[in-house]
Amino acid sequence: MGVRPTERLEKAPAKLNLALDTPFHHANGDEEWDMVMTSVDLADYVAIKTLGKNGRIKVTTDSGFLPNDHRNLAYKAAHLLATKFGQREAVNIHIEKHIPVAAGMGGGSSDAAAVLRGLNDIWQLGLTQTELCELGLQIDADVPYCVWSQTAHVTGRGEKIDVLPKLPAMWIVIAKPKISVSTPALLRQVNYEKLAHTVPTDLLTAINAGDYEGICANVANVLTPITARQHPTITHIKEKMLHFGADAAEMSGTGPTVFGLCKKQSRAQHVANGLAGFCREVYVVRPLSLPPIVNSVETM
């Protein structure tokens, strides 16, 4: 047998919600989700290193906006695996942030999923993707999807992942306004009976057929009106994206990030340029074509 690796560098891609509905919430307060999600090539990088036997977990980051203690989802992921499998090694985690914080793009969840994947390899736990997803659900509803980070239909509490074909060629403009949205606070305002619930049947059909126009015609987020009522800039960004040539525009997650779909890079860049001066954080990205596990880097 080879030497067991003690370090791992994991890619943690941002996610976007092409469709989002929350039909009801469970008796324990958990939301029921019906989402179509995809990942893009905007990503954090999570360096994981194990050493010693004191069981300490340390999280550092180049961002001043993230907690570095038990509130950090990456910390929670390491603690969960160490506790469940009796691992006493110290774990050092460093997060190089590129995904905007509190943006509806799953940055914290993707970092946690990266830690689950990385420590599964370092500690040679032999957990399957499905088993990692089951553990991830104990951390956050988006973590199971982020374990896969491929275009997927996500239902249940977030644990039911139906992987879909990769998206047809497209470019995505992402705009994060200078506001933050608390997901728990926003969900407390949801009146499930009054939401304009949607079923993503047509979107799923379009994705399975590789139909770009069909995808654009069916992006939807039932939470957009709630967030936009508090933050009208979300509506303004959607309008500007469409004005400058995006084929579709919608909010991701609970917001405030807005994304626009474009068939060509030149059009996407034109849309991004049109947002200059109105929104400081603007990115032109592509859907992820390979799961992040392929992009893992191992150090012996």
C-alpha atoms as a PDB file:
ATOM      1  CA  MET A   1       0.000   0.000   0.000  1.00  0.00           C
ATOM      2  CA  GLY A   2       1.107   3.553  -0.658  1.00  0.00           C
ATOM      3  CA  VAL A   3       1.641   6.236   1.931  1.00  0.00           C
ATOM      4  CA  ARG A   4      -1.632   7.707   3.141  1.00  0.00           C
ATOM      5  CA  PRO A   5      -2.036  11.335   2.014  1.00  0.00           C
ATOM      6  CA  THR A   6      -2.200  13.954   4.773  1.00  0.00           C
ATOM      7  CA  GLU A   7      -3.080  16.945   2.595  1.00  0.00           C
ATOM      8  CA  ARG A   8      -5.768  17.652   0.075  1.00  0.00           C
ATOM      9  CA  LEU A   9      -6.739  20.644  -2.047  1.00  0.00           C
ATOM     10  CA  GLU A  10     -10.404  20.585  -3.010  1.00  0.00           C
ATOM     11  CA  LYS A  11     -12.314  22.768  -5.445  1.00  0.00           C
ATOM     12  CA  ALA A  12     -15.606  24.059  -4.008  1.00  0.00           C
ATOM     13  CA  PRO A  13     -17.759  25.402  -6.871  1.00  0.00           C
ATOM     14  CA  ALA A  14     -20.559  27.940  -6.522  1.00  0.00           C
ATOM     15  CA  LYS A  15     -24.092  26.721  -7.194  1.00  0.00           C
ATOM     16  CA  LEU A  16     -27.007  28.433  -8.889  1.00  0.00           C
ATOM     17  CA  ASN A  17     -30.709  27.631  -8.701  1.00  0.00           C
ATOM     18  CA  LEU A  18     -32.162  27.433 -12.196  1.00  0.00           C
ATOM     19  CA  ALA A  19     -35.485  26.656 -10.521  1.00  0.00           C
ATOM     20  CA  LEU A  20     -36.506  26.849  -6.876  1.00  0.00           C
ATOM     21  CA  ASP A  21     -39.720  26.077  -5.055  1.00  0.00           C
ATOM     22  CA  THR A  22     -40.442  25.222  -1.438  1.00  0.00           C
ATOM     23  CA  PRO A  23     -43.854  23.489  -1.410  1.00  0.00           C
ATOM     24  CA  PHE A  24     -44.190  23.223   2.392  1.00  0.00           C
ATOM     25  CA  HIS A  25     -42.215  22.863   5.575  1.00  0.00           C
ATOM     26  CA  HIS A  26     -42.034  19.775   7.767  1.00  0.00           C
ATOM     27  CA  ALA A  27     -43.236  19.531  11.356  1.00  0.00           C
ATOM     28  CA  ASN A  28     -39.682  20.053  12.615  1.00  0.00           C
ATOM     29  CA  GLY A  29     -39.357  23.271  10.592  1.00  0.00           C
ATOM     30  CA  ASP A  30     -37.255  21.866   7.742  1.00  0.00           C
ATOM     31  CA  GLU A  31     -38.238  23.065   4.280  1.00  0.00           C
ATOM     32  CA  GLU A  32     -39.328  20.704   1.528  1.00  0.00           C
ATOM     33  CA  TRP A  33     -37.465  21.692  -1.651  1.00  0.00           C
ATOM     34  CA  ASP A  34     -38.031  21.242  -5.362  1.00  0.00           C
ATOM     35  CA  MET A  35     -34.996  22.705  -7.119  1.00  0.00           C
ATOM     36  CA  VAL A  36     -32.969  22.425 -10.282  1.00  0.00           C
ATOM     37  CA  MET A  37     -29.376  23.319  -9.518  1.00  0.00           C
ATOM     38  CA  THR A  38     -26.145  23.667 -11.421  1.00  0.00           C
ATOM     39  CA  SER A  39     -22.560  24.515 -10.507  1.00  0.00           C
ATOM     40  CA  VAL A  40     -20.281  27.026 -12.201  1.00  0.00           C
ATOM     41  CA  ASP A  41     -16.559  27.547 -12.559  1.00  0.00           C
ATOM     42  CA  LEU A  42     -16.468  30.253  -9.888  1.00  0.00           C
ATOM     43  CA  ALA A  43     -15.094  28.363  -6.899  1.00  0.00           C
ATOM     44  CA  ASP A  44     -13.464  28.513  -3.498  1.00  0.00           C
ATOM     45  CA  TYR A  45     -10.372  26.396  -2.884  1.00  0.00           C
ATOM     46  CA  VAL A  46     -10.207  24.430   0.351  1.00  0.00           C
ATOM     47  CA  ALA A  47      -6.835  23.170   1.604  1.00  0.00           C
ATOM     48  CA  ILE A  48      -7.129  20.381   4.177  1.00  0.00           C
ATOM     49  CA  LYS A  49      -4.220  19.054   6.245  1.00  0.00           C
ATOM     50  CA  THR A  50      -4.185  16.516   9.068  1.00  0.00           C
ATOM     51  CA  LEU A  51      -1.453  16.324  11.701  1.00  0.00           C
ATOM     52  CA  GLY A  52      -0.885  15.254  15.287  1.00  0.00           C
ATOM     53  CA  LYS A  53      -3.387  13.557  17.546  1.00  0.00           C
ATOM     54  CA  ASN A  54      -4.924  16.375  19.590  1.00  0.00           C
ATOM     55  CA  GLY A  55      -8.236  16.429  17.715  1.00  0.00           C
ATOM     56  CA  ARG A  56      -8.134  20.197  17.220  1.00  0.00           C
ATOM     57  CA  ILE A  57      -9.933  21.676  14.203  1.00  0.00           C
ATOM     58  CA  LYS A  58      -8.631  25.004  12.924  1.00  0.00           C
ATOM     59  CA  VAL A  59     -10.227  27.014  10.117  1.00  0.00           C
ATOM     60  CA  THR A  60      -8.548  30.000   8.478  1.00  0.00           C
ATOM     61  CA  THR A  61      -9.666  32.050   5.500  1.00  0.00           C
ATOM     62  CA  ASP A  62      -8.550  34.998   3.420  1.00  0.00           C
ATOM     63  CA  SER A  63     -11.995  36.575   3.934  1.00  0.00           C
ATOM     64  CA  GLY A  64     -12.856  38.796   6.868  1.00  0.00           C
ATOM     65  CA  PHE A  65     -16.540  37.925   6.570  1.00  0.00           C
ATOM     66  CA  LEU A  66     -16.445  34.274   7.654  1.00  0.00           C
ATOM     67  CA  PRO A  67     -16.447  32.810  11.176  1.00  0.00           C
ATOM     68  CA  ASN A  68     -13.525  30.489  11.887  1.00  0.00           C
ATOM     69  CA  ASP A  69     -15.155  28.497  14.680  1.00  0.00           C
ATOM     70  CA  HIS A  70     -18.014  25.989  15.019  1.00  0.00           C
ATOM     71  CA  ARG A  71     -20.326  28.352  13.102  1.00  0.00           C
ATOM     72  CA  ASN A  72     -18.330  27.729   9.915  1.00  0.00           C
ATOM     73  CA  LEU A  73     -19.844  24.908   7.844  1.00  0.00           C
ATOM     74  CA  ALA A  74     -16.391  23.585   6.896  1.00  0.00           C
ATOM     75  CA  TYR A  75     -15.599  23.277  10.607  1.00  0.00           C
ATOM     76  CA  LYS A  76     -18.906  21.463  11.142  1.00  0.00           C
ATOM     77  CA  ALA A  77     -18.047  19.009   8.357  1.00  0.00           C
ATOM     78  CA  ALA A  78     -14.663  18.159   9.876  1.00  0.00           C
ATOM     79  CA  HIS A  79     -16.143  17.823  13.373  1.00  0.00           C
ATOM     80  CA  LEU A  80     -18.939  15.583  12.099  1.00  0.00           C
ATOM     81  CA  LEU A  81     -16.580  13.139  10.368  1.00  0.00           C
ATOM     82  CA  ALA A  82     -14.044  13.140  13.220  1.00  0.00           C
ATOM     83  CA  THR A  83     -16.752  12.439  15.804  1.00  0.00           C
ATOM     84  CA  LYS A  84     -18.584   9.793  13.788  1.00  0.00           C
ATOM     85  CA  PHE A  85     -15.456   7.835  12.855  1.00  0.00           C
ATOM     86  CA  GLY A  86     -13.344   8.379  15.981  1.00  0.00           C
ATOM     87  CA  GLN A  87     -10.587  10.303  14.242  1.00  0.00           C
ATOM     88  CA  ARG A  88      -8.260  12.122  16.661  1.00  0.00           C
ATOM     89  CA  GLU A  89      -5.952  13.828  14.182  1.00  0.00           C
ATOM     90  CA  ALA A  90      -5.853  17.608  14.191  1.00  0.00           C
ATOM     91  CA  VAL A  91      -7.355  19.146  11.056  1.00  0.00           C
ATOM     92  CA  ASN A  92      -6.221  22.434   9.544  1.00  0.00           C
ATOM     93  CA  ILE A  93      -8.548  23.923   6.929  1.00  0.00           C
ATOM     94  CA  HIS A  94      -7.737  27.007   4.880  1.00  0.00           C
ATOM     95  CA  ILE A  95     -10.423  28.484   2.631  1.00  0.00           C
ATOM     96  CA  GLU A  96      -9.412  30.686  -0.278  1.00  0.00           C
ATOM     97  CA  LYS A  97     -12.652  32.571  -0.931  1.00  0.00           C
ATOM     98  CA  HIS A  98     -13.843  33.501  -4.400  1.00  0.00           C
ATOM     99  CA  ILE A  99     -17.587  32.864  -3.993  1.00  0.00           C
ATOM    100  CA  PRO A 100     -19.374  35.914  -2.537  1.00  0.00           C
ATOM    101  CA  VAL A 101     -20.494  35.468   1.073  1.00  0.00           C
ATOM    102  CA  ALA A 102     -24.224  35.353   1.990  1.00  0.00           C
ATOM    103  CA  ALA A 103     -25.103  35.510  -1.692  1.00  0.00           C
ATOM    104  CA  GLY A 104     -27.403  32.547  -2.344  1.00  0.00           C
ATOM    105  CA  MET A 105     -24.611  30.684  -4.152  1.00  0.00           C
ATOM    106  CA  GLY A 106     -23.895  27.982  -1.591  1.00  0.00           C
ATOM    107  CA  GLY A 107     -20.332  29.014  -0.787  1.00  0.00           C
ATOM    108  CA  GLY A 108     -20.373  27.741   2.792  1.00  0.00           C
ATOM    109  CA  SER A 109     -22.158  24.541   1.802  1.00  0.00           C
ATOM    110  CA  SER A 110     -19.691  23.887  -1.005  1.00  0.00           C
ATOM    111  CA  ASP A 111     -16.767  24.428   1.383  1.00  0.00           C
ATOM    112  CA  ALA A 112     -18.328  21.888   3.763  1.00  0.00           C
ATOM    113  CA  ALA A 113     -18.806  19.388   0.931  1.00  0.00           C
ATOM    114  CA  ALA A 114     -15.153  19.871  -0.044  1.00  0.00           C
ATOM    115  CA  VAL A 115     -14.086  19.014   3.510  1.00  0.00           C
ATOM    116  CA  LEU A 116     -16.259  15.881   3.480  1.00  0.00           C
ATOM    117  CA  ARG A 117     -14.693  14.742   0.194  1.00  0.00           C
ATOM    118  CA  GLY A 118     -11.165  15.619   1.286  1.00  0.00           C
ATOM    119  CA  LEU A 119     -11.254  13.973   4.708  1.00  0.00           C
ATOM    120  CA  ASN A 120     -12.983  10.915   3.241  1.00  0.00           C
ATOM    121  CA  ASP A 121      -9.873  10.485   1.091  1.00  0.00           C
ATOM    122  CA  ILE A 122      -7.276  11.443   3.717  1.00  0.00           C
ATOM    123  CA  TRP A 123      -8.758   9.182   6.385  1.00  0.00           C
ATOM    124  CA  GLN A 124      -9.557   6.485   3.818  1.00  0.00           C
ATOM    125  CA  LEU A 125     -13.102   6.133   5.136  1.00  0.00           C
ATOM    126  CA  GLY A 126     -14.384   4.651   1.888  1.00  0.00           C
ATOM    127  CA  LEU A 127     -17.675   6.554   2.002  1.00  0.00           C
ATOM    128  CA  THR A 128     -19.715   6.669  -1.183  1.00  0.00           C
ATOM    129  CA  GLN A 129     -21.121   9.872  -2.656  1.00  0.00           C
ATOM    130  CA  THR A 130     -24.540   8.872  -1.326  1.00  0.00           C
ATOM    131  CA  GLU A 131     -23.171   8.342   2.178  1.00  0.00           C
ATOM    132  CA  LEU A 132     -21.396  11.708   2.059  1.00  0.00           C
ATOM    133  CA  CYS A 133     -24.701  13.303   1.031  1.00  0.00           C
ATOM    134  CA  GLU A 134     -26.476  11.726   4.003  1.00  0.00           C
ATOM    135  CA  LEU A 135     -23.845  13.172   6.327  1.00  0.00           C
ATOM    136  CA  GLY A 136     -23.960  16.516   4.541  1.00  0.00           C
ATOM    137  CA  LEU A 137     -27.661  16.888   5.262  1.00  0.00           C
ATOM    138  CA  GLN A 138     -26.775  17.085   8.967  1.00  0.00           C
ATOM    139  CA  ILE A 139     -24.804  20.253   8.187  1.00  0.00           C
ATOM    140  CA  ASP A 140     -26.996  22.189   5.738  1.00  0.00           C
ATOM    141  CA  ALA A 141     -29.665  21.490   3.110  1.00  0.00           C
ATOM    142  CA  ASP A 142     -27.357  22.491   0.221  1.00  0.00           C
ATOM    143  CA  VAL A 143     -24.405  20.302   1.246  1.00  0.00           C
ATOM    144  CA  PRO A 144     -25.738  17.055  -0.328  1.00  0.00           C
ATOM    145  CA  TYR A 145     -26.028  18.772  -3.708  1.00  0.00           C
ATOM    146  CA  CYS A 146     -22.585  20.344  -3.305  1.00  0.00           C
ATOM    147  CA  VAL A 147     -21.060  16.897  -2.738  1.00  0.00           C
ATOM    148  CA  TRP A 148     -22.063  16.162  -6.349  1.00  0.00           C
ATOM    149  CA  SER A 149     -21.830  19.709  -7.809  1.00  0.00           C
ATOM    150  CA  GLN A 150     -23.369  18.616 -11.101  1.00  0.00           C
ATOM    151  CA  THR A 151     -26.593  19.799 -12.708  1.00  0.00           C
ATOM    152  CA  ALA A 152     -29.326  17.997 -10.773  1.00  0.00           C
ATOM    153  CA  HIS A 153     -32.965  17.923  -9.706  1.00  0.00           C
ATOM    154  CA  VAL A 154     -32.936  18.240  -5.919  1.00  0.00           C
ATOM    155  CA  THR A 155     -35.975  17.380  -3.796  1.00  0.00           C
ATOM    156  CA  GLY A 156     -36.917  16.408  -0.250  1.00  0.00           C
ATOM    157  CA  ARG A 157     -34.989  18.249   2.425  1.00  0.00           C
ATOM    158  CA  GLY A 158     -32.132  18.495  -0.061  1.00  0.00           C
ATOM    159  CA  GLU A 159     -31.004  14.882   0.139  1.00  0.00           C
ATOM    160  CA  LYS A 160     -32.672  13.526  -3.009  1.00  0.00           C
ATOM    161  CA  ILE A 161     -30.286  14.185  -5.889  1.00  0.00           C
ATOM    162  CA  ASP A 162     -31.194  13.201  -9.450  1.00  0.00           C
ATOM    163  CA  VAL A 163     -28.151  14.041 -11.584  1.00  0.00           C
ATOM    164  CA  LEU A 164     -29.031  15.479 -15.002  1.00  0.00           C
ATOM    165  CA  PRO A 165     -27.090  15.773 -18.274  1.00  0.00           C
ATOM    166  CA  LYS A 166     -24.628  18.644 -18.449  1.00  0.00           C
ATOM    167  CA  LEU A 167     -26.088  21.896 -19.703  1.00  0.00           C
ATOM    168  CA  PRO A 168     -25.766  22.942 -23.347  1.00  0.00           C
ATOM    169  CA  ALA A 169     -23.083  25.507 -24.157  1.00  0.00           C
ATOM    170  CA  MET A 170     -23.830  28.820 -22.472  1.00  0.00           C
ATOM    171  CA  TRP A 171     -22.303  31.666 -20.508  1.00  0.00           C
ATOM    172  CA  ILE A 172     -23.651  32.967 -17.225  1.00  0.00           C
ATOM    173  CA  VAL A 173     -23.376  36.488 -15.842  1.00  0.00           C
ATOM    174  CA  ILE A 174     -23.503  36.615 -12.046  1.00  0.00           C
ATOM    175  CA  ALA A 175     -24.162  39.873 -10.193  1.00  0.00           C
ATOM    176  CA  LYS A 176     -23.986  40.170  -6.395  1.00  0.00           C
ATOM    177  CA  PRO A 177     -25.327  43.512  -5.092  1.00  0.00           C
ATOM    178  CA  LYS A 178     -23.837  45.033  -1.953  1.00  0.00           C
ATOM    179  CA  ILE A 179     -26.444  43.528   0.347  1.00  0.00           C
ATOM    180  CA  SER A 180     -26.677  40.267   2.270  1.00  0.00           C
ATOM    181  CA  VAL A 181     -29.707  38.067   2.833  1.00  0.00           C
ATOM    182  CA  SER A 182     -30.198  35.766   5.815  1.00  0.00           C
ATOM    183  CA  THR A 183     -31.772  32.552   4.550  1.00  0.00           C
ATOM    184  CA  PRO A 184     -33.349  31.591   7.915  1.00  0.00           C
ATOM    185  CA  ALA A 185     -34.779  35.091   8.363  1.00  0.00           C
ATOM    186  CA  LEU A 186     -36.224  35.123   4.858  1.00  0.00           C
ATOM    187  CA  LEU A 187     -37.768  31.661   5.151  1.00  0.00           C
ATOM    188  CA  ARG A 188     -39.530  32.704   8.348  1.00  0.00           C
ATOM    189  CA  GLN A 189     -41.496  35.169   6.210  1.00  0.00           C
ATOM    190  CA  VAL A 190     -42.730  32.566   3.724  1.00  0.00           C
ATOM    191  CA  ASN A 191     -46.467  31.931   3.529  1.00  0.00           C
ATOM    192  CA  TYR A 192     -46.451  28.577   1.767  1.00  0.00           C
ATOM    193  CA  GLU A 193     -50.116  28.797   0.786  1.00  0.00           C
ATOM    194  CA  LYS A 194     -49.608  32.109  -1.011  1.00  0.00           C
ATOM    195  CA  LEU A 195     -46.423  31.203  -2.894  1.00  0.00           C
ATOM    196  CA  ALA A 196     -46.802  30.882  -6.670  1.00  0.00           C
ATOM    197  CA  HIS A 197     -45.611  27.271  -6.616  1.00  0.00           C
ATOM    198  CA  THR A 198     -44.026  25.838  -9.751  1.00  0.00           C
ATOM    199  CA  VAL A 199     -43.125  22.359 -10.951  1.00  0.00           C
ATOM    200  CA  PRO A 200     -39.912  22.270 -13.047  1.00  0.00           C
ATOM    201  CA  THR A 201     -41.206  19.696 -15.555  1.00  0.00           C
ATOM    202  CA  ASP A 202     -40.583  21.869 -18.621  1.00  0.00           C
ATOM    203  CA  LEU A 203     -37.143  22.903 -17.377  1.00  0.00           C
ATOM    204  CA  LEU A 204     -36.160  19.271 -16.785  1.00  0.00           C
ATOM    205  CA  THR A 205     -37.389  18.365 -20.274  1.00  0.00           C
ATOM    206  CA  ALA A 206     -35.311  21.181 -21.768  1.00  0.00           C
ATOM    207  CA  ILE A 207     -32.165  20.148 -19.879  1.00  0.00           C
ATOM    208  CA  ASN A 208     -32.561  16.513 -20.901  1.00  0.00           C
ATOM    209  CA  ALA A 209     -32.982  17.628 -24.529  1.00  0.00           C
ATOM    210  CA  GLY A 210     -30.059  20.084 -24.422  1.00  0.00           C
ATOM    211  CA  ASP A 211     -32.532  22.828 -25.368  1.00  0.00           C
ATOM    212  CA  TYR A 212     -30.954  26.195 -24.464  1.00  0.00           C
ATOM    213  CA  GLU A 213     -34.033  28.245 -25.394  1.00  0.00           C
ATOM    214  CA  GLY A 214     -36.255  25.912 -23.372  1.00  0.00           C
ATOM    215  CA  ILE A 215     -34.000  26.329 -20.349  1.00  0.00           C
ATOM    216  CA  CYS A 216     -34.133  30.118 -20.647  1.00  0.00           C
ATOM    217  CA  ALA A 217     -37.926  30.060 -20.888  1.00  0.00           C
ATOM    218  CA  ASN A 218     -38.331  28.073 -17.673  1.00  0.00           C
ATOM    219  CA  VAL A 219     -35.911  29.446 -15.054  1.00  0.00           C
ATOM    220  CA  ALA A 220     -37.947  30.362 -11.969  1.00  0.00           C
ATOM    221  CA  ASN A 221     -37.609  31.147  -8.272  1.00  0.00           C
ATOM    222  CA  VAL A 222     -40.715  31.461  -6.084  1.00  0.00           C
ATOM    223  CA  LEU A 223     -38.729  33.335  -3.423  1.00  0.00           C
ATOM    224  CA  THR A 224     -37.706  36.193  -5.713  1.00  0.00           C
ATOM    225  CA  PRO A 225     -40.765  38.377  -4.933  1.00  0.00           C
ATOM    226  CA  ILE A 226     -40.150  38.060  -1.183  1.00  0.00           C
ATOM    227  CA  THR A 227     -36.483  39.044  -1.338  1.00  0.00           C
ATOM    228  CA  ALA A 228     -37.059  41.698  -4.005  1.00  0.00           C
ATOM    229  CA  ARG A 229     -39.775  43.323  -1.916  1.00  0.00           C
ATOM    230  CA  GLN A 230     -37.135  44.056   0.733  1.00  0.00           C
ATOM    231  CA  HIS A 231     -34.328  44.694  -1.754  1.00  0.00           C
ATOM    232  CA  PRO A 232     -35.684  46.283  -4.981  1.00  0.00           C
ATOM    233  CA  THR A 233     -32.172  46.327  -6.446  1.00  0.00           C
ATOM    234  CA  ILE A 234     -32.691  42.635  -7.287  1.00  0.00           C
ATOM    235  CA  THR A 235     -35.497  43.549  -9.681  1.00  0.00           C
ATOM    236  CA  HIS A 236     -33.372  46.352 -11.135  1.00  0.00           C
ATOM    237  CA  ILE A 237     -30.482  43.958 -11.822  1.00  0.00           C
ATOM    238  CA  LYS A 238     -32.795  41.467 -13.536  1.00  0.00           C
ATOM    239  CA  GLU A 239     -34.197  44.252 -15.708  1.00  0.00           C
ATOM    240  CA  LYS A 240     -30.729  45.530 -16.604  1.00  0.00           C
ATOM    241  CA  MET A 241     -29.510  42.047 -17.539  1.00  0.00           C
ATOM    242  CA  LEU A 242     -32.443  41.550 -19.883  1.00  0.00           C
ATOM    243  CA  HIS A 243     -32.043  45.068 -21.284  1.00  0.00           C
ATOM    244  CA  PHE A 244     -28.392  44.426 -22.152  1.00  0.00           C
ATOM    245  CA  GLY A 245     -29.173  41.141 -23.883  1.00  0.00           C
ATOM    246  CA  ALA A 246     -29.389  38.247 -21.428  1.00  0.00           C
ATOM    247  CA  ASP A 247     -31.812  35.576 -22.640  1.00  0.00           C
ATOM    248  CA  ALA A 248     -33.075  34.973 -19.091  1.00  0.00           C
ATOM    249  CA  ALA A 249     -32.422  36.419 -15.637  1.00  0.00           C
ATOM    250  CA  GLU A 250     -33.363  35.147 -12.186  1.00  0.00           C
ATOM    251  CA  MET A 251     -32.322  35.276  -8.537  1.00  0.00           C
ATOM    252  CA  SER A 252     -30.382  32.337  -7.072  1.00  0.00           C
ATOM    253  CA  GLY A 253     -31.403  30.795  -3.766  1.00  0.00           C
ATOM    254  CA  THR A 254     -32.771  33.290  -1.276  1.00  0.00           C
ATOM    255  CA  GLY A 255     -30.662  35.972  -2.947  1.00  0.00           C
ATOM    256  CA  PRO A 256     -29.394  38.509  -3.405  1.00  0.00           C
ATOM    257  CA  THR A 257     -27.316  37.159  -6.327  1.00  0.00           C
ATOM    258  CA  VAL A 258     -28.903  37.444  -9.769  1.00  0.00           C
ATOM    259  CA  PHE A 259     -27.739  35.453 -12.798  1.00  0.00           C
ATOM    260  CA  GLY A 260     -28.301  35.958 -16.509  1.00  0.00           C
ATOM    261  CA  LEU A 261     -28.014  33.319 -19.248  1.00  0.00           C
ATOM    262  CA  CYS A 262     -26.332  34.085 -22.572  1.00  0.00           C
ATOM    263  CA  LYS A 263     -25.547  31.831 -25.511  1.00  0.00           C
ATOM    264  CA  LYS A 264     -22.322  33.595 -26.482  1.00  0.00           C
ATOM    265  CA  GLN A 265     -19.395  34.920 -24.470  1.00  0.00           C
ATOM    266  CA  SER A 266     -19.485  38.261 -26.284  1.00  0.00           C
ATOM    267  CA  ARG A 267     -23.100  38.808 -25.241  1.00  0.00           C
ATOM    268  CA  ALA A 268     -22.324  37.809 -21.655  1.00  0.00           C
ATOM    269  CA  GLN A 269     -19.456  40.286 -21.539  1.00  0.00           C
ATOM    270  CA  HIS A 270     -21.745  42.995 -22.923  1.00  0.00           C
ATOM    271  CA  VAL A 271     -24.247  42.285 -20.145  1.00  0.00           C
ATOM    272  CA  ALA A 272     -21.480  42.363 -17.536  1.00  0.00           C
ATOM    273  CA  ASN A 273     -20.178  45.676 -18.894  1.00  0.00           C
ATOM    274  CA  GLY A 274     -23.703  47.077 -18.725  1.00  0.00           C
ATOM    275  CA  LEU A 275     -23.798  46.360 -14.998  1.00  0.00           C
ATOM    276  CA  ALA A 276     -20.524  48.195 -14.318  1.00  0.00           C
ATOM    277  CA  GLY A 277     -21.054  51.033 -11.886  1.00  0.00           C
ATOM    278  CA  PHE A 278     -24.375  49.583 -10.756  1.00  0.00           C
ATOM    279  CA  CYS A 279     -23.076  46.374  -9.204  1.00  0.00           C
ATOM    280  CA  ARG A 280     -19.471  45.936  -8.060  1.00  0.00           C
ATOM    281  CA  GLU A 281     -19.302  42.129  -7.935  1.00  0.00           C
ATOM    282  CA  VAL A 282     -19.967  40.851 -11.457  1.00  0.00           C
ATOM    283  CA  TYR A 283     -18.624  37.583 -12.885  1.00  0.00           C
ATOM    284  CA  VAL A 284     -18.796  35.913 -16.287  1.00  0.00           C
ATOM    285  CA  VAL A 285     -18.683  32.141 -15.809  1.00  0.00           C
ATOM    286  CA  ARG A 286     -19.608  28.841 -17.444  1.00  0.00           C
ATOM    287  CA  PRO A 287     -21.466  25.822 -16.072  1.00  0.00           C
ATOM    288  CA  LEU A 288     -19.123  23.239 -14.589  1.00  0.00           C
ATOM    289  CA  SER A 289     -18.552  20.430 -17.075  1.00  0.00           C
ATOM    290  CA  LEU A 290     -16.892  18.004 -14.638  1.00  0.00           C
ATOM    291  CA  PRO A 291     -17.655  17.263 -10.977  1.00  0.00           C
ATOM    292  CA  PRO A 292     -15.153  18.864  -8.563  1.00  0.00           C
ATOM    293  CA  ILE A 293     -13.893  15.476  -7.408  1.00  0.00           C
ATOM    294  CA  VAL A 294     -12.062  15.260 -10.752  1.00  0.00           C
ATOM    295  CA  ASN A 295     -10.257  18.492  -9.930  1.00  0.00           C
ATOM    296  CA  SER A 296      -8.993  17.380  -6.527  1.00  0.00           C
ATOM    297  CA  VAL A 297      -5.243  17.707  -5.984  1.00  0.00           C
ATOM    298  CA  GLU A 298      -3.511  15.204  -3.739  1.00  0.00           C
ATOM    299  CA  THR A 299      -0.291  15.902  -1.833  1.00  0.00           C
ATOM    300  CA  MET A 300       1.616  13.048  -0.285  1.00  0.00           C
END
